[in-house]
């Protein structure tokens, strides 16, 4: 009897997991999908301004509208298309990082808010900011 009860509980558990995965796949509405969720600039010199373009797609079945993009620092500025993105279309978001006044490893989070079923997505940039060399340091 215990074996039957255990098997029943096991099958019910698998059914719930399968249904929740199917429900997410079958959700109607826009869905934002980034081709990459992070970009590393590597070593840069203090004062450098660097940019990276993140590509995203509306992988849902309704128009996608990005309502806001927040950054974790004023040194990071986003630029994105504010027009609705039709299902299957792609667009680009440019992220600009100004390293002035920064030093060492920098991790910046960009939060993208939209009308998508995954309404809040995060992308990230990193950079290792090295000090700018002065003429005295160069031996001149």
N, C-alpha and C. Protein backbone atom coordinates (compact mmCIF):
# COMPACT_ATOMS: atom_id res chain seq x y z
N UNK A 1 0.82 -1.19 0.00
CA UNK A 1 0.00 0.00 0.00
C UNK A 1 0.87 1.27 0.00
N UNK A 2 1.93 1.21 0.79
CA UNK A 2 2.84 2.36 0.83
C UNK A 2 3.46 2.63 -0.54
N UNK A 3 3.80 1.59 -1.25
CA UNK A 3 4.40 1.73 -2.56
C UNK A 3 3.43 2.40 -3.52
N UNK A 4 2.18 2.00 -3.47
CA UNK A 4 1.18 2.62 -4.34
C UNK A 4 0.99 4.10 -4.00
N UNK A 5 0.95 4.42 -2.73
CA UNK A 5 0.80 5.81 -2.30
C UNK A 5 2.00 6.63 -2.75
N UNK A 6 3.20 6.07 -2.61
CA UNK A 6 4.41 6.78 -3.03
C UNK A 6 4.41 7.01 -4.54
N UNK A 7 4.02 6.01 -5.30
CA UNK A 7 3.95 6.16 -6.75
C UNK A 7 2.93 7.22 -7.15
N UNK A 8 1.79 7.23 -6.48
CA UNK A 8 0.75 8.22 -6.77
C UNK A 8 1.29 9.63 -6.54
N UNK A 9 1.95 9.84 -5.41
CA UNK A 9 2.49 11.15 -5.08
C UNK A 9 3.57 11.54 -6.10
N UNK A 10 4.37 10.58 -6.50
CA UNK A 10 5.41 10.84 -7.48
C UNK A 10 4.83 11.27 -8.82
N UNK A 11 3.80 10.56 -9.30
CA UNK A 11 3.18 10.92 -10.58
C UNK A 11 2.48 12.26 -10.51
N UNK A 12 1.82 12.57 -9.41
CA UNK A 12 1.16 13.86 -9.26
C UNK A 12 2.21 14.98 -9.27
N UNK A 13 3.34 14.77 -8.61
CA UNK A 13 4.41 15.77 -8.59
C UNK A 13 4.96 16.04 -9.97
N UNK A 14 5.21 14.97 -10.75
CA UNK A 14 5.69 15.15 -12.13
C UNK A 14 4.66 15.87 -12.98
N UNK A 15 3.39 15.59 -12.77
CA UNK A 15 2.33 16.25 -13.53
C UNK A 15 2.28 17.74 -13.28
N UNK A 16 2.45 18.14 -12.03
CA UNK A 16 2.44 19.56 -11.68
C UNK A 16 3.62 20.27 -12.32
N UNK A 17 4.80 19.67 -12.28
CA UNK A 17 5.99 20.27 -12.88
C UNK A 17 5.80 20.41 -14.39
N UNK A 18 5.30 19.39 -15.04
CA UNK A 18 5.09 19.43 -16.49
C UNK A 18 4.07 20.48 -16.87
N UNK A 19 3.00 20.62 -16.08
CA UNK A 19 1.97 21.61 -16.38
C UNK A 19 2.52 23.02 -16.23
N UNK A 20 3.33 23.28 -15.20
CA UNK A 20 3.85 24.64 -15.02
C UNK A 20 4.82 25.00 -16.14
N UNK A 21 5.61 24.04 -16.64
CA UNK A 21 6.50 24.31 -17.76
C UNK A 21 5.71 24.58 -19.04
N UNK A 22 4.65 23.80 -19.26
CA UNK A 22 3.80 24.01 -20.44
C UNK A 22 3.07 25.34 -20.36
N UNK A 23 2.62 25.73 -19.17
CA UNK A 23 1.89 26.98 -19.01
C UNK A 23 2.77 28.17 -19.35
N UNK A 24 4.05 28.12 -18.95
CA UNK A 24 4.95 29.23 -19.27
C UNK A 24 5.19 29.32 -20.77
N UNK A 25 5.34 28.18 -21.42
CA UNK A 25 5.58 28.18 -22.86
C UNK A 25 4.36 28.65 -23.64
N UNK A 26 3.17 28.40 -23.10
CA UNK A 26 1.93 28.74 -23.80
C UNK A 26 1.39 30.12 -23.44
N UNK A 27 2.10 30.90 -22.61
CA UNK A 27 1.60 32.20 -22.20
C UNK A 27 1.48 33.11 -23.41
N UNK A 28 0.35 33.78 -23.48
CA UNK A 28 0.15 34.77 -24.54
C UNK A 28 0.74 36.09 -24.10
N UNK A 29 1.20 36.86 -25.07
CA UNK A 29 1.74 38.17 -24.79
C UNK A 29 3.15 38.30 -25.31
N UNK A 30 3.72 39.48 -25.18
CA UNK A 30 5.09 39.70 -25.62
C UNK A 30 6.08 39.03 -24.66
N UNK A 31 7.24 38.72 -25.17
CA UNK A 31 8.31 38.18 -24.32
C UNK A 31 9.63 38.74 -24.83
N UNK A 32 10.41 39.34 -23.93
CA UNK A 32 11.70 39.91 -24.32
C UNK A 32 12.79 38.86 -24.09
N UNK A 33 13.61 38.66 -25.12
CA UNK A 33 14.70 37.69 -25.04
C UNK A 33 15.97 38.36 -25.53
N UNK A 34 16.94 38.52 -24.63
CA UNK A 34 18.23 39.11 -25.00
C UNK A 34 19.14 38.01 -25.54
N UNK A 35 19.95 38.34 -26.57
CA UNK A 35 20.88 37.36 -27.11
C UNK A 35 22.04 37.11 -26.15
N UNK A 36 22.32 38.09 -25.29
CA UNK A 36 23.32 37.92 -24.23
C UNK A 36 22.85 38.71 -23.02
N UNK A 37 23.13 38.22 -21.84
CA UNK A 37 22.66 38.90 -20.63
C UNK A 37 23.77 39.69 -19.95
N UNK A 38 25.00 39.56 -20.43
CA UNK A 38 26.12 40.28 -19.81
C UNK A 38 27.20 40.57 -20.85
N UNK A 39 27.94 41.64 -20.59
CA UNK A 39 29.08 41.98 -21.44
C UNK A 39 30.23 42.47 -20.55
N UNK A 40 31.42 41.94 -20.79
CA UNK A 40 32.61 42.36 -20.05
C UNK A 40 33.49 43.20 -20.96
N UNK A 41 33.74 44.44 -20.55
CA UNK A 41 34.61 45.32 -21.32
C UNK A 41 36.09 44.99 -21.09
N UNK A 42 36.38 44.28 -20.03
CA UNK A 42 37.78 43.97 -19.70
C UNK A 42 38.44 45.17 -19.06
N UNK A 43 39.74 45.33 -19.27
CA UNK A 43 40.48 46.45 -18.70
C UNK A 43 40.26 47.70 -19.54
N UNK A 44 39.90 48.78 -18.87
CA UNK A 44 39.78 50.09 -19.51
C UNK A 44 40.51 51.10 -18.63
N UNK A 45 40.80 52.25 -19.19
CA UNK A 45 41.50 53.30 -18.46
C UNK A 45 40.49 54.27 -17.86
N UNK A 46 40.76 54.69 -16.63
CA UNK A 46 39.88 55.64 -15.96
C UNK A 46 39.65 56.85 -16.86
N UNK A 47 38.38 57.21 -17.05
CA UNK A 47 38.00 58.32 -17.92
C UNK A 47 37.49 57.86 -19.27
N UNK A 48 37.74 56.59 -19.63
CA UNK A 48 37.22 56.06 -20.90
C UNK A 48 35.70 55.99 -20.85
N UNK A 49 35.09 56.23 -22.01
CA UNK A 49 33.66 56.02 -22.18
C UNK A 49 33.51 54.89 -23.19
N UNK A 50 32.87 53.80 -22.76
CA UNK A 50 32.74 52.62 -23.61
C UNK A 50 31.26 52.31 -23.81
N UNK A 51 30.96 51.70 -24.95
CA UNK A 51 29.56 51.35 -25.25
C UNK A 51 29.47 49.89 -25.69
N UNK A 52 28.31 49.33 -25.47
CA UNK A 52 28.02 47.98 -25.95
C UNK A 52 26.56 47.95 -26.40
N UNK A 53 26.31 47.22 -27.47
CA UNK A 53 24.94 47.08 -27.98
C UNK A 53 24.42 45.69 -27.62
N UNK A 54 23.33 45.66 -26.86
CA UNK A 54 22.63 44.42 -26.54
C UNK A 54 21.49 44.26 -27.54
N UNK A 55 21.39 43.11 -28.16
CA UNK A 55 20.30 42.82 -29.09
C UNK A 55 19.24 42.01 -28.37
N UNK A 56 17.98 42.36 -28.61
CA UNK A 56 16.88 41.61 -28.00
C UNK A 56 15.81 41.35 -29.05
N UNK A 57 14.98 40.35 -28.75
CA UNK A 57 13.91 39.95 -29.66
C UNK A 57 12.61 39.86 -28.89
N UNK A 58 11.53 40.14 -29.58
CA UNK A 58 10.20 39.88 -29.04
C UNK A 58 9.85 38.45 -29.44
N UNK A 59 10.07 37.51 -28.54
CA UNK A 59 9.80 36.10 -28.84
C UNK A 59 8.40 35.69 -28.42
N UNK A 60 7.55 36.68 -28.12
CA UNK A 60 6.16 36.41 -27.77
C UNK A 60 5.26 36.54 -28.98
N UNK A 61 3.96 36.69 -28.70
CA UNK A 61 2.99 36.75 -29.80
C UNK A 61 2.16 38.04 -29.81
N UNK A 62 2.61 39.05 -29.06
CA UNK A 62 1.99 40.38 -29.08
C UNK A 62 3.09 41.42 -29.07
N UNK A 63 2.76 42.67 -29.38
CA UNK A 63 3.74 43.75 -29.45
C UNK A 63 4.41 43.98 -28.10
N UNK A 64 5.72 44.16 -28.14
CA UNK A 64 6.54 44.42 -26.95
C UNK A 64 6.82 45.91 -26.84
N UNK A 65 6.61 46.48 -25.65
CA UNK A 65 6.92 47.88 -25.40
C UNK A 65 7.78 47.96 -24.14
N UNK A 66 8.99 48.50 -24.29
CA UNK A 66 9.85 48.73 -23.12
C UNK A 66 9.43 50.06 -22.52
N UNK A 67 8.99 50.02 -21.27
CA UNK A 67 8.48 51.22 -20.62
C UNK A 67 9.55 52.01 -19.89
N UNK A 68 10.59 51.33 -19.40
CA UNK A 68 11.62 52.04 -18.66
C UNK A 68 12.87 51.17 -18.60
N UNK A 69 14.02 51.81 -18.52
CA UNK A 69 15.29 51.12 -18.31
C UNK A 69 16.01 51.87 -17.21
N UNK A 70 16.29 51.16 -16.11
CA UNK A 70 16.99 51.76 -14.97
C UNK A 70 18.39 51.20 -14.88
N UNK A 71 19.31 52.04 -14.46
CA UNK A 71 20.69 51.61 -14.27
C UNK A 71 21.06 51.72 -12.80
N UNK A 72 22.07 50.98 -12.40
CA UNK A 72 22.48 50.98 -11.00
C UNK A 72 23.40 52.14 -10.66
N UNK A 73 23.73 52.97 -11.67
CA UNK A 73 24.67 54.07 -11.45
C UNK A 73 24.44 55.14 -12.51
N UNK A 74 24.65 56.39 -12.15
CA UNK A 74 24.53 57.48 -13.11
C UNK A 74 25.61 57.45 -14.17
N UNK A 75 26.62 56.63 -13.96
CA UNK A 75 27.72 56.50 -14.93
C UNK A 75 27.32 55.63 -16.12
N UNK A 76 26.16 55.00 -16.04
CA UNK A 76 25.69 54.09 -17.08
C UNK A 76 24.42 54.66 -17.69
N UNK A 77 24.42 54.80 -19.02
CA UNK A 77 23.28 55.40 -19.71
C UNK A 77 22.75 54.46 -20.79
N UNK A 78 21.44 54.19 -20.76
CA UNK A 78 20.84 53.33 -21.79
C UNK A 78 20.20 54.16 -22.90
N UNK A 79 20.14 53.58 -24.09
CA UNK A 79 19.40 54.17 -25.20
C UNK A 79 18.69 53.02 -25.90
N UNK A 80 17.35 53.12 -26.02
CA UNK A 80 16.57 52.04 -26.61
C UNK A 80 15.44 52.60 -27.44
N UNK A 81 14.91 51.75 -28.31
CA UNK A 81 13.80 52.10 -29.18
C UNK A 81 12.51 52.10 -28.36
N UNK A 82 11.79 53.20 -28.39
CA UNK A 82 10.56 53.31 -27.60
C UNK A 82 9.31 52.90 -28.38
N UNK A 83 9.50 52.52 -29.64
CA UNK A 83 8.37 52.07 -30.47
C UNK A 83 8.05 50.61 -30.16
N UNK A 84 6.77 50.21 -30.30
CA UNK A 84 6.41 48.80 -30.09
C UNK A 84 7.17 47.89 -31.05
N UNK A 85 7.57 46.74 -30.53
CA UNK A 85 8.32 45.75 -31.32
C UNK A 85 7.40 44.57 -31.60
N UNK A 86 7.14 44.31 -32.87
CA UNK A 86 6.23 43.24 -33.27
C UNK A 86 6.82 41.87 -32.94
N UNK A 87 5.98 40.86 -32.78
CA UNK A 87 6.47 39.50 -32.52
C UNK A 87 7.47 39.06 -33.59
N UNK A 88 8.58 38.47 -33.15
CA UNK A 88 9.60 37.98 -34.06
C UNK A 88 10.63 39.01 -34.47
N UNK A 89 10.38 40.29 -34.20
CA UNK A 89 11.33 41.33 -34.58
C UNK A 89 12.42 41.49 -33.52
N UNK A 90 13.56 42.04 -33.96
CA UNK A 90 14.66 42.31 -33.04
C UNK A 90 14.93 43.81 -33.00
N UNK A 91 15.58 44.23 -31.92
CA UNK A 91 15.97 45.63 -31.75
C UNK A 91 17.26 45.65 -30.93
N UNK A 92 17.80 46.85 -30.80
CA UNK A 92 19.06 47.01 -30.08
C UNK A 92 18.92 48.01 -28.95
N UNK A 93 19.67 47.76 -27.89
CA UNK A 93 19.74 48.68 -26.76
C UNK A 93 21.22 49.00 -26.56
N UNK A 94 21.56 50.29 -26.64
CA UNK A 94 22.94 50.71 -26.46
C UNK A 94 23.15 51.12 -25.01
N UNK A 95 24.19 50.58 -24.41
CA UNK A 95 24.54 50.91 -23.03
C UNK A 95 25.90 51.61 -23.06
N UNK A 96 25.95 52.79 -22.46
CA UNK A 96 27.19 53.58 -22.43
C UNK A 96 27.66 53.68 -20.98
N UNK A 97 28.93 53.37 -20.75
CA UNK A 97 29.51 53.43 -19.41
C UNK A 97 30.64 54.45 -19.41
N UNK A 98 30.55 55.44 -18.49
CA UNK A 98 31.58 56.46 -18.34
C UNK A 98 32.38 56.13 -17.08
N UNK A 99 33.66 55.84 -17.27
CA UNK A 99 34.50 55.39 -16.14
C UNK A 99 35.14 56.54 -15.36
N UNK A 100 34.78 57.77 -15.68
CA UNK A 100 35.37 58.90 -14.95
C UNK A 100 35.05 58.79 -13.46
N UNK A 101 36.07 58.87 -12.64
CA UNK A 101 35.90 58.80 -11.19
C UNK A 101 35.75 57.38 -10.66
N UNK A 102 35.84 56.39 -11.50
CA UNK A 102 35.71 54.99 -11.09
C UNK A 102 37.09 54.36 -11.02
N UNK A 103 37.19 53.31 -10.22
CA UNK A 103 38.45 52.60 -10.09
C UNK A 103 38.19 51.15 -9.72
N UNK A 104 38.95 50.25 -10.31
CA UNK A 104 38.82 48.83 -9.98
C UNK A 104 37.66 48.17 -10.72
N UNK A 105 37.26 47.02 -10.21
CA UNK A 105 36.21 46.23 -10.86
C UNK A 105 34.85 46.92 -10.71
N UNK A 106 34.15 47.09 -11.83
CA UNK A 106 32.84 47.73 -11.85
C UNK A 106 31.81 46.74 -12.39
N UNK A 107 30.73 46.56 -11.67
CA UNK A 107 29.61 45.71 -12.07
C UNK A 107 28.35 46.57 -12.10
N UNK A 108 27.79 46.76 -13.27
CA UNK A 108 26.62 47.62 -13.42
C UNK A 108 25.44 46.79 -13.93
N UNK A 109 24.32 46.92 -13.24
CA UNK A 109 23.10 46.20 -13.59
C UNK A 109 22.15 47.16 -14.30
N UNK A 110 21.59 46.70 -15.39
CA UNK A 110 20.60 47.47 -16.14
C UNK A 110 19.29 46.69 -16.06
N UNK A 111 18.25 47.33 -15.51
CA UNK A 111 16.95 46.68 -15.34
C UNK A 111 16.01 47.19 -16.42
N UNK A 112 15.49 46.26 -17.21
CA UNK A 112 14.62 46.58 -18.34
C UNK A 112 13.19 46.21 -17.95
N UNK A 113 12.30 47.21 -17.96
CA UNK A 113 10.90 46.98 -17.62
C UNK A 113 10.03 47.12 -18.86
N UNK A 114 9.11 46.17 -19.04
CA UNK A 114 8.30 46.16 -20.26
C UNK A 114 6.93 45.54 -19.97
N UNK A 115 6.14 45.45 -21.03
CA UNK A 115 4.82 44.82 -20.92
C UNK A 115 4.90 43.32 -21.18
N UNK A 116 6.09 42.76 -21.20
CA UNK A 116 6.29 41.34 -21.50
C UNK A 116 5.83 40.44 -20.36
N UNK A 117 5.63 39.17 -20.68
CA UNK A 117 5.27 38.21 -19.63
C UNK A 117 6.42 38.09 -18.63
N UNK A 118 7.63 38.30 -19.07
CA UNK A 118 8.80 38.43 -18.19
C UNK A 118 9.09 39.94 -18.07
N UNK A 119 8.25 40.63 -17.33
CA UNK A 119 8.20 42.09 -17.34
C UNK A 119 9.46 42.79 -16.86
N UNK A 120 10.27 42.13 -16.06
CA UNK A 120 11.51 42.73 -15.58
C UNK A 120 12.67 41.81 -15.93
N UNK A 121 13.57 42.30 -16.76
CA UNK A 121 14.77 41.55 -17.14
C UNK A 121 15.99 42.37 -16.74
N UNK A 122 17.08 41.69 -16.44
CA UNK A 122 18.31 42.38 -16.07
C UNK A 122 19.44 41.95 -17.00
N UNK A 123 20.21 42.95 -17.43
CA UNK A 123 21.44 42.69 -18.17
C UNK A 123 22.56 43.35 -17.39
N UNK A 124 23.79 42.98 -17.68
CA UNK A 124 24.90 43.46 -16.84
C UNK A 124 26.10 43.79 -17.71
N UNK A 125 26.83 44.81 -17.27
CA UNK A 125 28.13 45.11 -17.86
C UNK A 125 29.17 45.12 -16.74
N UNK A 126 30.39 44.74 -17.09
CA UNK A 126 31.49 44.79 -16.14
C UNK A 126 32.70 45.40 -16.83
N UNK A 127 33.54 46.01 -16.02
CA UNK A 127 34.80 46.58 -16.52
C UNK A 127 35.78 46.66 -15.37
N UNK A 128 37.03 46.51 -15.68
CA UNK A 128 38.09 46.71 -14.70
C UNK A 128 38.76 48.04 -15.04
N UNK A 129 38.50 49.06 -14.21
CA UNK A 129 38.99 50.40 -14.49
C UNK A 129 40.38 50.57 -13.88
N UNK A 130 41.34 50.81 -14.75
CA UNK A 130 42.73 51.01 -14.32
C UNK A 130 43.02 52.51 -14.29
N UNK A 131 43.95 52.93 -13.44
CA UNK A 131 44.25 54.37 -13.35
C UNK A 131 44.84 54.90 -14.65
N UNK A 132 44.50 56.15 -14.93
CA UNK A 132 45.07 56.82 -16.10
C UNK A 132 46.53 57.13 -15.81
N UNK A 133 47.39 56.93 -16.79
CA UNK A 133 48.80 57.24 -16.61
C UNK A 133 49.04 58.72 -16.85
N UNK A 134 49.86 59.29 -16.00
CA UNK A 134 50.22 60.70 -16.19
C UNK A 134 51.59 60.76 -16.85
N UNK A 135 51.96 61.92 -17.31
CA UNK A 135 53.27 62.09 -17.96
C UNK A 135 54.40 61.76 -17.01
N UNK A 136 54.24 62.08 -15.70
CA UNK A 136 55.27 61.81 -14.71
C UNK A 136 55.46 60.30 -14.58
N UNK A 137 54.35 59.55 -14.59
CA UNK A 137 54.43 58.10 -14.46
C UNK A 137 55.08 57.48 -15.68
N UNK A 138 54.96 58.13 -16.85
CA UNK A 138 55.54 57.60 -18.08
C UNK A 138 57.05 57.87 -18.15
N UNK A 139 57.56 58.63 -17.21
CA UNK A 139 58.97 58.95 -17.20
C UNK A 139 59.33 60.10 -18.11
N UNK A 140 58.39 60.95 -18.45
CA UNK A 140 58.66 62.09 -19.33
C UNK A 140 58.80 63.36 -18.56
